[in-house]
């Protein structure tokens, strides 16, 4: 089962290979459902994209900044201004790269602000050292040495942002805003990769059920989902999805089945499921809306929380 992660603009999606969908209603006559250890004669290679739920960062979350400047007075000024402008920002100041690296390796840092012109190691060299171990950590070069050459070197080394010193205390308003924007992007990216890793582990290790719903019925279920609920795949394909939900607690799943999938991109629900033998299950499902064979529908990743 192939699972890939990608981004389209600001949208994060997971791509599932159509070879996983051999059990769909449209394919059952020509190709039997893939079973564990089995193969199919003619696997399709195109991908179906599933919008990936990514948790948004919590408002008011602390932002830990490491500020590096060989002038201790400028360092303290930046610390005072940034913490006064944005109460979520906490600044630690260091006056040389050695101390800064020691602090970075022994503490949690969300963003680095560094001067360029420092003794022994300049800001670009510091950036290159940081990028070897922290390739995506926000790094803002905040320097009085403004030139196209420095900016070009910084971009080539992987700087997140570049800002010239000057303009009085107002510059710290701009700097605080750039810090927050850089950290927000970084945290969203980290959440995306964490979520993708989670999807990959669940799906590829056959730990989760996968389904597609179209026109109010299952058009695909994988073997794992059928096993969870005590059915065969063929018994569920073509059936009303609420067959797997308990009548006493099916509101969440009913809402999913009846969603307008032209309007909703992603979803997350918990509901009480019911096996064929009547056993109740605690079920969680996540997924998103798709276009499958030209028609709207939804695809979900489902697992049993009671196991």
C-alpha atoms as a PDB file:
ATOM      1  CA  UNK A   1       0.000   0.000   0.000  1.00  0.00           C
ATOM      2  CA  UNK A   2       1.631   3.241  -1.116  1.00  0.00           C
ATOM      3  CA  UNK A   3       1.352   6.380   0.988  1.00  0.00           C
ATOM      4  CA  UNK A   4       3.050   9.648   0.077  1.00  0.00           C
ATOM      5  CA  UNK A   5       2.889  13.170   1.484  1.00  0.00           C
ATOM      6  CA  UNK A   6       2.876  16.378  -0.519  1.00  0.00           C
ATOM      7  CA  UNK A   7       1.613  19.942  -0.474  1.00  0.00           C
ATOM      8  CA  UNK A   8      -0.498  21.891  -2.958  1.00  0.00           C
ATOM      9  CA  UNK A   9      -0.058  25.541  -2.092  1.00  0.00           C
ATOM     10  CA  UNK A  10      -1.052  25.742   1.560  1.00  0.00           C
ATOM     11  CA  UNK A  11      -3.001  22.446   1.425  1.00  0.00           C
ATOM     12  CA  UNK A  12      -1.432  19.266   2.792  1.00  0.00           C
ATOM     13  CA  UNK A  13      -2.492  15.963   1.265  1.00  0.00           C
ATOM     14  CA  UNK A  14      -1.693  12.273   1.532  1.00  0.00           C
ATOM     15  CA  UNK A  15      -1.560  10.297  -1.700  1.00  0.00           C
ATOM     16  CA  UNK A  16      -2.830   6.700  -1.705  1.00  0.00           C
ATOM     17  CA  UNK A  17      -2.079   4.488  -4.682  1.00  0.00           C
ATOM     18  CA  UNK A  18      -5.155   3.233  -6.525  1.00  0.00           C
ATOM     19  CA  UNK A  19      -3.681  -0.240  -6.245  1.00  0.00           C
ATOM     20  CA  UNK A  20      -5.141  -0.216  -2.738  1.00  0.00           C
ATOM     21  CA  UNK A  21      -8.631   0.145  -4.166  1.00  0.00           C
ATOM     22  CA  UNK A  22      -8.950  -3.224  -5.883  1.00  0.00           C
ATOM     23  CA  UNK A  23     -11.872  -4.016  -3.588  1.00  0.00           C
ATOM     24  CA  UNK A  24     -14.116  -1.220  -4.862  1.00  0.00           C
ATOM     25  CA  UNK A  25     -17.543  -1.956  -6.280  1.00  0.00           C
ATOM     26  CA  UNK A  26     -16.350  -0.963  -9.769  1.00  0.00           C
ATOM     27  CA  UNK A  27     -13.402  -3.363  -9.651  1.00  0.00           C
ATOM     28  CA  UNK A  28     -14.793  -6.418  -7.845  1.00  0.00           C
ATOM     29  CA  UNK A  29     -15.902  -8.223 -11.010  1.00  0.00           C
ATOM     30  CA  UNK A  30     -12.552  -7.889 -12.783  1.00  0.00           C
ATOM     31  CA  UNK A  31     -10.112  -7.981  -9.845  1.00  0.00           C
ATOM     32  CA  UNK A  32     -10.622  -9.605  -6.441  1.00  0.00           C
ATOM     33  CA  UNK A  33      -9.765  -7.494  -3.377  1.00  0.00           C
ATOM     34  CA  UNK A  34      -6.113  -7.525  -2.434  1.00  0.00           C
ATOM     35  CA  UNK A  35      -5.527  -9.750   0.579  1.00  0.00           C
ATOM     36  CA  UNK A  36      -2.541  -9.831   2.876  1.00  0.00           C
ATOM     37  CA  UNK A  37       0.314 -11.498   0.980  1.00  0.00           C
ATOM     38  CA  UNK A  38      -1.642 -11.543  -2.282  1.00  0.00           C
ATOM     39  CA  UNK A  39      -1.059  -9.774  -5.611  1.00  0.00           C
ATOM     40  CA  UNK A  40      -3.159  -8.353  -8.402  1.00  0.00           C
ATOM     41  CA  UNK A  41      -2.523  -8.860 -12.103  1.00  0.00           C
ATOM     42  CA  UNK A  42      -3.004  -5.251 -13.226  1.00  0.00           C
ATOM     43  CA  UNK A  43      -2.343  -2.681 -10.529  1.00  0.00           C
ATOM     44  CA  UNK A  44      -3.085   0.940 -11.356  1.00  0.00           C
ATOM     45  CA  UNK A  45      -0.304   3.379 -10.528  1.00  0.00           C
ATOM     46  CA  UNK A  46      -2.127   6.721 -10.351  1.00  0.00           C
ATOM     47  CA  UNK A  47      -2.738   8.283  -6.957  1.00  0.00           C
ATOM     48  CA  UNK A  48      -5.756   9.553  -5.049  1.00  0.00           C
ATOM     49  CA  UNK A  49      -5.105  12.625  -2.914  1.00  0.00           C
ATOM     50  CA  UNK A  50      -6.598  12.835   0.584  1.00  0.00           C
ATOM     51  CA  UNK A  51      -6.532  16.174   2.424  1.00  0.00           C
ATOM     52  CA  UNK A  52      -4.555  15.600   5.597  1.00  0.00           C
ATOM     53  CA  UNK A  53      -5.928  16.925   8.892  1.00  0.00           C
ATOM     54  CA  UNK A  54      -3.213  19.076  10.462  1.00  0.00           C
ATOM     55  CA  UNK A  55      -3.734  20.523  13.910  1.00  0.00           C
ATOM     56  CA  UNK A  56      -3.496  24.287  14.011  1.00  0.00           C
ATOM     57  CA  UNK A  57      -1.105  25.843  16.501  1.00  0.00           C
ATOM     58  CA  UNK A  58      -2.640  26.862  19.776  1.00  0.00           C
ATOM     59  CA  UNK A  59      -2.977  30.583  20.319  1.00  0.00           C
ATOM     60  CA  UNK A  60      -0.795  31.942  23.064  1.00  0.00           C
ATOM     61  CA  UNK A  61       1.787  29.191  22.706  1.00  0.00           C
ATOM     62  CA  UNK A  62       5.206  30.275  23.978  1.00  0.00           C
ATOM     63  CA  UNK A  63       7.866  31.147  21.402  1.00  0.00           C
ATOM     64  CA  UNK A  64      11.399  30.591  22.655  1.00  0.00           C
ATOM     65  CA  UNK A  65      13.913  32.787  20.846  1.00  0.00           C
ATOM     66  CA  UNK A  66      17.711  32.580  20.966  1.00  0.00           C
ATOM     67  CA  UNK A  67      19.240  35.977  20.148  1.00  0.00           C
ATOM     68  CA  UNK A  68      22.945  36.103  19.306  1.00  0.00           C
ATOM     69  CA  UNK A  69      24.829  39.412  19.153  1.00  0.00           C
ATOM     70  CA  UNK A  70      28.360  40.192  20.303  1.00  0.00           C
ATOM     71  CA  UNK A  71      27.144  43.542  21.659  1.00  0.00           C
ATOM     72  CA  UNK A  72      25.450  42.670  25.001  1.00  0.00           C
ATOM     73  CA  UNK A  73      23.617  46.021  25.125  1.00  0.00           C
ATOM     74  CA  UNK A  74      21.964  45.389  21.751  1.00  0.00           C
ATOM     75  CA  UNK A  75      21.112  41.890  22.866  1.00  0.00           C
ATOM     76  CA  UNK A  76      19.385  43.149  26.014  1.00  0.00           C
ATOM     77  CA  UNK A  77      17.584  45.851  24.039  1.00  0.00           C
ATOM     78  CA  UNK A  78      16.217  43.250  21.598  1.00  0.00           C
ATOM     79  CA  UNK A  79      15.157  41.002  24.470  1.00  0.00           C
ATOM     80  CA  UNK A  80      13.345  43.825  26.281  1.00  0.00           C
ATOM     81  CA  UNK A  81      11.569  45.080  23.164  1.00  0.00           C
ATOM     82  CA  UNK A  82      10.500  41.704  21.792  1.00  0.00           C
ATOM     83  CA  UNK A  83       9.155  40.473  25.137  1.00  0.00           C
ATOM     84  CA  UNK A  84       7.308  43.766  25.672  1.00  0.00           C
ATOM     85  CA  UNK A  85       5.781  43.732  22.172  1.00  0.00           C
ATOM     86  CA  UNK A  86       4.668  40.091  22.312  1.00  0.00           C
ATOM     87  CA  UNK A  87       4.082  38.445  25.678  1.00  0.00           C
ATOM     88  CA  UNK A  88       4.298  34.993  24.075  1.00  0.00           C
ATOM     89  CA  UNK A  89       7.943  35.570  23.111  1.00  0.00           C
ATOM     90  CA  UNK A  90      10.716  34.676  25.560  1.00  0.00           C
ATOM     91  CA  UNK A  91      14.258  35.665  24.555  1.00  0.00           C
ATOM     92  CA  UNK A  92      17.566  34.184  25.666  1.00  0.00           C
ATOM     93  CA  UNK A  93      20.611  36.246  24.703  1.00  0.00           C
ATOM     94  CA  UNK A  94      24.139  35.040  23.967  1.00  0.00           C
ATOM     95  CA  UNK A  95      27.166  37.073  22.880  1.00  0.00           C
ATOM     96  CA  UNK A  96      29.054  34.415  20.911  1.00  0.00           C
ATOM     97  CA  UNK A  97      28.355  31.440  18.693  1.00  0.00           C
ATOM     98  CA  UNK A  98      29.954  28.841  20.988  1.00  0.00           C
ATOM     99  CA  UNK A  99      27.620  29.715  23.852  1.00  0.00           C
ATOM    100  CA  UNK A 100      24.684  29.939  21.465  1.00  0.00           C
ATOM    101  CA  UNK A 101      25.324  26.430  20.095  1.00  0.00           C
ATOM    102  CA  UNK A 102      25.682  25.064  23.606  1.00  0.00           C
ATOM    103  CA  UNK A 103      22.315  26.591  24.562  1.00  0.00           C
ATOM    104  CA  UNK A 104      20.702  25.361  21.342  1.00  0.00           C
ATOM    105  CA  UNK A 105      21.843  21.791  21.927  1.00  0.00           C
ATOM    106  CA  UNK A 106      20.703  21.750  25.549  1.00  0.00           C
ATOM    107  CA  UNK A 107      17.404  23.608  25.366  1.00  0.00           C
ATOM    108  CA  UNK A 108      14.236  23.898  23.306  1.00  0.00           C
ATOM    109  CA  UNK A 109      14.443  26.801  20.826  1.00  0.00           C
ATOM    110  CA  UNK A 110      11.764  27.836  18.319  1.00  0.00           C
ATOM    111  CA  UNK A 111      13.680  30.568  16.470  1.00  0.00           C
ATOM    112  CA  UNK A 112      17.194  32.008  16.232  1.00  0.00           C
ATOM    113  CA  UNK A 113      17.916  35.695  15.642  1.00  0.00           C
ATOM    114  CA  UNK A 114      21.555  36.367  14.823  1.00  0.00           C
ATOM    115  CA  UNK A 115      23.763  39.318  14.030  1.00  0.00           C
ATOM    116  CA  UNK A 116      26.087  38.993  11.030  1.00  0.00           C
ATOM    117  CA  UNK A 117      29.284  40.813  11.964  1.00  0.00           C
ATOM    118  CA  UNK A 118      30.664  38.931  15.007  1.00  0.00           C
ATOM    119  CA  UNK A 119      34.228  37.919  15.949  1.00  0.00           C
ATOM    120  CA  UNK A 120      35.545  34.427  15.128  1.00  0.00           C
ATOM    121  CA  UNK A 121      32.313  33.226  13.477  1.00  0.00           C
ATOM    122  CA  UNK A 122      29.977  35.466  11.494  1.00  0.00           C
ATOM    123  CA  UNK A 123      26.219  35.046  11.142  1.00  0.00           C
ATOM    124  CA  UNK A 124      26.413  33.100   7.855  1.00  0.00           C
ATOM    125  CA  UNK A 125      28.904  30.626   9.283  1.00  0.00           C
ATOM    126  CA  UNK A 126      26.697  30.241  12.347  1.00  0.00           C
ATOM    127  CA  UNK A 127      23.703  29.606  10.087  1.00  0.00           C
ATOM    128  CA  UNK A 128      25.596  26.917   8.166  1.00  0.00           C
ATOM    129  CA  UNK A 129      26.493  25.156  11.441  1.00  0.00           C
ATOM    130  CA  UNK A 130      22.868  25.297  12.610  1.00  0.00           C
ATOM    131  CA  UNK A 131      21.554  23.961   9.296  1.00  0.00           C
ATOM    132  CA  UNK A 132      23.694  20.835   9.577  1.00  0.00           C
ATOM    133  CA  UNK A 133      21.734  19.728  12.639  1.00  0.00           C
ATOM    134  CA  UNK A 134      18.503  21.745  12.403  1.00  0.00           C
ATOM    135  CA  UNK A 135      17.678  22.070   8.701  1.00  0.00           C
ATOM    136  CA  UNK A 136      14.262  23.710   9.194  1.00  0.00           C
ATOM    137  CA  UNK A 137      14.602  25.693  12.435  1.00  0.00           C
ATOM    138  CA  UNK A 138      13.620  29.345  11.845  1.00  0.00           C
ATOM    139  CA  UNK A 139      16.755  31.496  11.580  1.00  0.00           C
ATOM    140  CA  UNK A 140      16.510  35.264  11.095  1.00  0.00           C
ATOM    141  CA  UNK A 141      19.653  37.191  10.184  1.00  0.00           C
ATOM    142  CA  UNK A 142      19.226  40.585  11.881  1.00  0.00           C
ATOM    143  CA  UNK A 143      22.192  42.672  10.868  1.00  0.00           C
ATOM    144  CA  UNK A 144      23.509  46.193  10.443  1.00  0.00           C
ATOM    145  CA  UNK A 145      25.719  44.988   7.585  1.00  0.00           C
ATOM    146  CA  UNK A 146      23.240  45.186   4.765  1.00  0.00           C
ATOM    147  CA  UNK A 147      24.395  44.267   1.279  1.00  0.00           C
ATOM    148  CA  UNK A 148      23.231  42.175  -1.659  1.00  0.00           C
ATOM    149  CA  UNK A 149      26.248  39.918  -1.163  1.00  0.00           C
ATOM    150  CA  UNK A 150      25.370  39.138   2.466  1.00  0.00           C
ATOM    151  CA  UNK A 151      21.703  38.618   1.599  1.00  0.00           C
ATOM    152  CA  UNK A 152      22.635  36.291  -1.257  1.00  0.00           C
ATOM    153  CA  UNK A 153      24.948  34.249   0.971  1.00  0.00           C
ATOM    154  CA  UNK A 154      22.278  34.037   3.651  1.00  0.00           C
ATOM    155  CA  UNK A 155      19.659  32.770   1.206  1.00  0.00           C
ATOM    156  CA  UNK A 156      22.086  30.201  -0.198  1.00  0.00           C
ATOM    157  CA  UNK A 157      22.831  28.983   3.337  1.00  0.00           C
ATOM    158  CA  UNK A 158      19.125  28.499   4.096  1.00  0.00           C
ATOM    159  CA  UNK A 159      18.182  31.584   6.091  1.00  0.00           C
ATOM    160  CA  UNK A 160      14.481  31.866   6.960  1.00  0.00           C
ATOM    161  CA  UNK A 161      14.390  35.671   6.908  1.00  0.00           C
ATOM    162  CA  UNK A 162      16.799  38.568   6.496  1.00  0.00           C
ATOM    163  CA  UNK A 163      16.320  41.948   8.133  1.00  0.00           C
ATOM    164  CA  UNK A 164      18.534  45.017   8.411  1.00  0.00           C
ATOM    165  CA  UNK A 165      18.935  46.810  11.716  1.00  0.00           C
ATOM    166  CA  UNK A 166      17.854  50.426  11.843  1.00  0.00           C
ATOM    167  CA  UNK A 167      14.707  52.500  12.127  1.00  0.00           C
ATOM    168  CA  UNK A 168      14.574  52.867  15.886  1.00  0.00           C
ATOM    169  CA  UNK A 169      12.363  50.855  18.192  1.00  0.00           C
ATOM    170  CA  UNK A 170       9.737  50.346  15.490  1.00  0.00           C
ATOM    171  CA  UNK A 171      12.008  47.750  13.899  1.00  0.00           C
ATOM    172  CA  UNK A 172      11.316  45.397  16.803  1.00  0.00           C
ATOM    173  CA  UNK A 173       7.591  45.418  15.968  1.00  0.00           C
ATOM    174  CA  UNK A 174       8.516  44.132  12.519  1.00  0.00           C
ATOM    175  CA  UNK A 175      11.009  41.653  13.962  1.00  0.00           C
ATOM    176  CA  UNK A 176       8.466  40.245  16.442  1.00  0.00           C
ATOM    177  CA  UNK A 177       5.957  39.770  13.621  1.00  0.00           C
ATOM    178  CA  UNK A 178       8.530  37.977  11.478  1.00  0.00           C
ATOM    179  CA  UNK A 179       9.472  35.712  14.372  1.00  0.00           C
ATOM    180  CA  UNK A 180       5.834  34.704  14.937  1.00  0.00           C
ATOM    181  CA  UNK A 181       5.226  34.101  11.225  1.00  0.00           C
ATOM    182  CA  UNK A 182       8.367  31.980  10.879  1.00  0.00           C
ATOM    183  CA  UNK A 183       7.547  29.906  13.961  1.00  0.00           C
ATOM    184  CA  UNK A 184       3.923  29.398  12.889  1.00  0.00           C
ATOM    185  CA  UNK A 185       5.067  28.068   9.505  1.00  0.00           C
ATOM    186  CA  UNK A 186       7.657  25.837  11.148  1.00  0.00           C
ATOM    187  CA  UNK A 187       5.202  24.356  13.642  1.00  0.00           C
ATOM    188  CA  UNK A 188       2.610  23.707  10.928  1.00  0.00           C
ATOM    189  CA  UNK A 189       5.252  21.947   8.856  1.00  0.00           C
ATOM    190  CA  UNK A 190       6.305  19.805  11.814  1.00  0.00           C
ATOM    191  CA  UNK A 191       2.677  18.892  12.543  1.00  0.00           C
ATOM    192  CA  UNK A 192       2.235  17.891   8.917  1.00  0.00           C
ATOM    193  CA  UNK A 193       5.212  15.534   8.909  1.00  0.00           C
ATOM    194  CA  UNK A 194       4.158  14.081  12.260  1.00  0.00           C
ATOM    195  CA  UNK A 195       0.670  13.454  10.881  1.00  0.00           C
ATOM    196  CA  UNK A 196       2.055  11.947   7.683  1.00  0.00           C
ATOM    197  CA  UNK A 197       4.273   9.586   9.665  1.00  0.00           C
ATOM    198  CA  UNK A 198       1.223   8.584  11.684  1.00  0.00           C
ATOM    199  CA  UNK A 199      -0.802   7.839   8.524  1.00  0.00           C
ATOM    200  CA  UNK A 200       2.060   5.888   6.994  1.00  0.00           C
ATOM    201  CA  UNK A 201       2.496   3.734  10.093  1.00  0.00           C
ATOM    202  CA  UNK A 202      -1.221   2.963  10.398  1.00  0.00           C
ATOM    203  CA  UNK A 203      -1.854   2.214   6.735  1.00  0.00           C
ATOM    204  CA  UNK A 204       1.320   0.474   5.624  1.00  0.00           C
ATOM    205  CA  UNK A 205       1.481  -1.765   8.697  1.00  0.00           C
ATOM    206  CA  UNK A 206      -2.164  -2.735   8.178  1.00  0.00           C
ATOM    207  CA  UNK A 207      -3.123  -1.304  11.554  1.00  0.00           C
ATOM    208  CA  UNK A 208      -6.092   0.660  10.282  1.00  0.00           C
ATOM    209  CA  UNK A 209      -9.232   0.288   8.248  1.00  0.00           C
ATOM    210  CA  UNK A 210      -9.597   2.273   5.014  1.00  0.00           C
ATOM    211  CA  UNK A 211     -12.900   3.027   3.298  1.00  0.00           C
ATOM    212  CA  UNK A 212     -14.428   5.124   0.526  1.00  0.00           C
ATOM    213  CA  UNK A 213     -18.050   6.288   0.703  1.00  0.00           C
ATOM    214  CA  UNK A 214     -19.952   7.528  -2.363  1.00  0.00           C
ATOM    215  CA  UNK A 215     -23.675   8.126  -2.809  1.00  0.00           C
ATOM    216  CA  UNK A 216     -24.360   6.975   0.750  1.00  0.00           C
ATOM    217  CA  UNK A 217     -22.684   3.564   0.508  1.00  0.00           C
ATOM    218  CA  UNK A 218     -19.297   1.884   0.783  1.00  0.00           C
ATOM    219  CA  UNK A 219     -17.603   1.593  -2.618  1.00  0.00           C
ATOM    220  CA  UNK A 220     -14.379   0.358  -1.029  1.00  0.00           C
ATOM    221  CA  UNK A 221     -13.287  -1.184   2.276  1.00  0.00           C
ATOM    222  CA  UNK A 222      -9.927  -2.783   2.930  1.00  0.00           C
ATOM    223  CA  UNK A 223      -9.480  -6.170   4.568  1.00  0.00           C
ATOM    224  CA  UNK A 224      -8.482  -4.645   7.903  1.00  0.00           C
ATOM    225  CA  UNK A 225     -11.737  -2.663   8.185  1.00  0.00           C
ATOM    226  CA  UNK A 226     -13.775  -5.751   7.365  1.00  0.00           C
ATOM    227  CA  UNK A 227     -11.860  -7.716  10.014  1.00  0.00           C
ATOM    228  CA  UNK A 228     -12.469  -5.026  12.652  1.00  0.00           C
ATOM    229  CA  UNK A 229     -16.232  -5.321  12.214  1.00  0.00           C
ATOM    230  CA  UNK A 230     -16.422  -9.081  11.627  1.00  0.00           C
ATOM    231  CA  UNK A 231     -17.425  -9.015   7.954  1.00  0.00           C
ATOM    232  CA  UNK A 232     -15.830  -9.859   4.640  1.00  0.00           C
ATOM    233  CA  UNK A 233     -15.012  -7.068   2.219  1.00  0.00           C
ATOM    234  CA  UNK A 234     -17.695  -8.210  -0.220  1.00  0.00           C
ATOM    235  CA  UNK A 235     -20.325  -8.120   2.546  1.00  0.00           C
ATOM    236  CA  UNK A 236     -19.662  -4.399   3.180  1.00  0.00           C
ATOM    237  CA  UNK A 237     -19.054  -3.029  -0.336  1.00  0.00           C
ATOM    238  CA  UNK A 238     -22.333  -1.590  -1.606  1.00  0.00           C
ATOM    239  CA  UNK A 239     -23.857  -1.419   1.893  1.00  0.00           C
ATOM    240  CA  UNK A 240     -25.034   1.603   3.886  1.00  0.00           C
ATOM    241  CA  UNK A 241     -22.086   2.644   6.115  1.00  0.00           C
ATOM    242  CA  UNK A 242     -24.212   2.841   9.276  1.00  0.00           C
ATOM    243  CA  UNK A 243     -24.222  -0.983   9.240  1.00  0.00           C
ATOM    244  CA  UNK A 244     -20.965  -0.741  11.217  1.00  0.00           C
ATOM    245  CA  UNK A 245     -22.239   1.845  13.734  1.00  0.00           C
ATOM    246  CA  UNK A 246     -24.192   1.228  16.913  1.00  0.00           C
ATOM    247  CA  UNK A 247     -27.755   2.543  16.683  1.00  0.00           C
ATOM    248  CA  UNK A 248     -27.406   4.024  20.168  1.00  0.00           C
ATOM    249  CA  UNK A 249     -24.388   6.182  19.311  1.00  0.00           C
ATOM    250  CA  UNK A 250     -24.055   6.765  15.586  1.00  0.00           C
ATOM    251  CA  UNK A 251     -24.479  10.555  15.383  1.00  0.00           C
ATOM    252  CA  UNK A 252     -20.826  11.225  14.551  1.00  0.00           C
ATOM    253  CA  UNK A 253     -20.622   8.614  11.822  1.00  0.00           C
ATOM    254  CA  UNK A 254     -24.069   9.519  10.474  1.00  0.00           C
ATOM    255  CA  UNK A 255     -22.854  13.105  10.095  1.00  0.00           C
ATOM    256  CA  UNK A 256     -19.841  11.821   8.162  1.00  0.00           C
ATOM    257  CA  UNK A 257     -21.963   9.705   5.829  1.00  0.00           C
ATOM    258  CA  UNK A 258     -24.292  12.631   5.132  1.00  0.00           C
ATOM    259  CA  UNK A 259     -21.565  15.282   4.675  1.00  0.00           C
ATOM    260  CA  UNK A 260     -21.623  17.453   1.578  1.00  0.00           C
ATOM    261  CA  UNK A 261     -18.193  16.457   0.313  1.00  0.00           C
ATOM    262  CA  UNK A 262     -18.071  19.373  -2.098  1.00  0.00           C
ATOM    263  CA  UNK A 263     -18.011  21.653   0.945  1.00  0.00           C
ATOM    264  CA  UNK A 264     -15.883  19.791   3.516  1.00  0.00           C
ATOM    265  CA  UNK A 265     -12.190  18.997   2.961  1.00  0.00           C
ATOM    266  CA  UNK A 266     -11.250  17.059   6.102  1.00  0.00           C
ATOM    267  CA  UNK A 267     -13.004  15.450   9.054  1.00  0.00           C
ATOM    268  CA  UNK A 268     -12.366  13.714  12.353  1.00  0.00           C
ATOM    269  CA  UNK A 269     -15.001  11.780  14.309  1.00  0.00           C
ATOM    270  CA  UNK A 270     -15.379   9.294  17.149  1.00  0.00           C
ATOM    271  CA  UNK A 271     -18.351   6.962  17.365  1.00  0.00           C
ATOM    272  CA  UNK A 272     -19.438   3.622  18.808  1.00  0.00           C
ATOM    273  CA  UNK A 273     -19.091   0.879  16.230  1.00  0.00           C
ATOM    274  CA  UNK A 274     -20.763  -2.509  16.228  1.00  0.00           C
ATOM    275  CA  UNK A 275     -19.369  -5.815  14.997  1.00  0.00           C
ATOM    276  CA  UNK A 276     -21.466  -8.366  13.149  1.00  0.00           C
ATOM    277  CA  UNK A 277     -21.805 -10.305  16.422  1.00  0.00           C
ATOM    278  CA  UNK A 278     -23.101  -7.215  18.281  1.00  0.00           C
ATOM    279  CA  UNK A 279     -19.855  -6.394  20.126  1.00  0.00           C
ATOM    280  CA  UNK A 280     -19.477  -2.635  20.691  1.00  0.00           C
ATOM    281  CA  UNK A 281     -16.254  -0.872  19.626  1.00  0.00           C
ATOM    282  CA  UNK A 282     -14.794   2.582  20.272  1.00  0.00           C
ATOM    283  CA  UNK A 283     -13.940   3.896  16.807  1.00  0.00           C
ATOM    284  CA  UNK A 284     -12.010   6.957  15.624  1.00  0.00           C
ATOM    285  CA  UNK A 285     -11.909   8.023  11.991  1.00  0.00           C
ATOM    286  CA  UNK A 286     -10.065  10.750  10.071  1.00  0.00           C
ATOM    287  CA  UNK A 287      -9.975  11.558   6.403  1.00  0.00           C
ATOM    288  CA  UNK A 288     -11.119  13.897   3.702  1.00  0.00           C
ATOM    289  CA  UNK A 289     -13.193  14.502   0.613  1.00  0.00           C
ATOM    290  CA  UNK A 290     -12.024  13.185  -2.739  1.00  0.00           C
ATOM    291  CA  UNK A 291     -13.003  12.879  -6.366  1.00  0.00           C
ATOM    292  CA  UNK A 292     -13.114   9.167  -7.188  1.00  0.00           C
ATOM    293  CA  UNK A 293     -13.896   8.070 -10.747  1.00  0.00           C
ATOM    294  CA  UNK A 294     -15.134  11.602 -11.415  1.00  0.00           C
ATOM    295  CA  UNK A 295     -17.633  11.728  -8.570  1.00  0.00           C
ATOM    296  CA  UNK A 296     -17.368  13.319  -5.097  1.00  0.00           C
ATOM    297  CA  UNK A 297     -16.962  11.099  -2.073  1.00  0.00           C
ATOM    298  CA  UNK A 298     -14.909  10.713   1.065  1.00  0.00           C
ATOM    299  CA  UNK A 299     -12.065   8.466   2.087  1.00  0.00           C
ATOM    300  CA  UNK A 300     -11.385   7.618   5.712  1.00  0.00           C
ATOM    301  CA  UNK A 301      -8.725   6.040   7.894  1.00  0.00           C
ATOM    302  CA  UNK A 302     -10.432   4.183  10.755  1.00  0.00           C
ATOM    303  CA  UNK A 303      -9.158   2.273  13.788  1.00  0.00           C
ATOM    304  CA  UNK A 304     -10.476   0.527  16.876  1.00  0.00           C
ATOM    305  CA  UNK A 305      -9.469   2.402  20.063  1.00  0.00           C
ATOM    306  CA  UNK A 306     -10.603  -0.497  22.266  1.00  0.00           C
ATOM    307  CA  UNK A 307      -7.789  -2.802  21.078  1.00  0.00           C
END
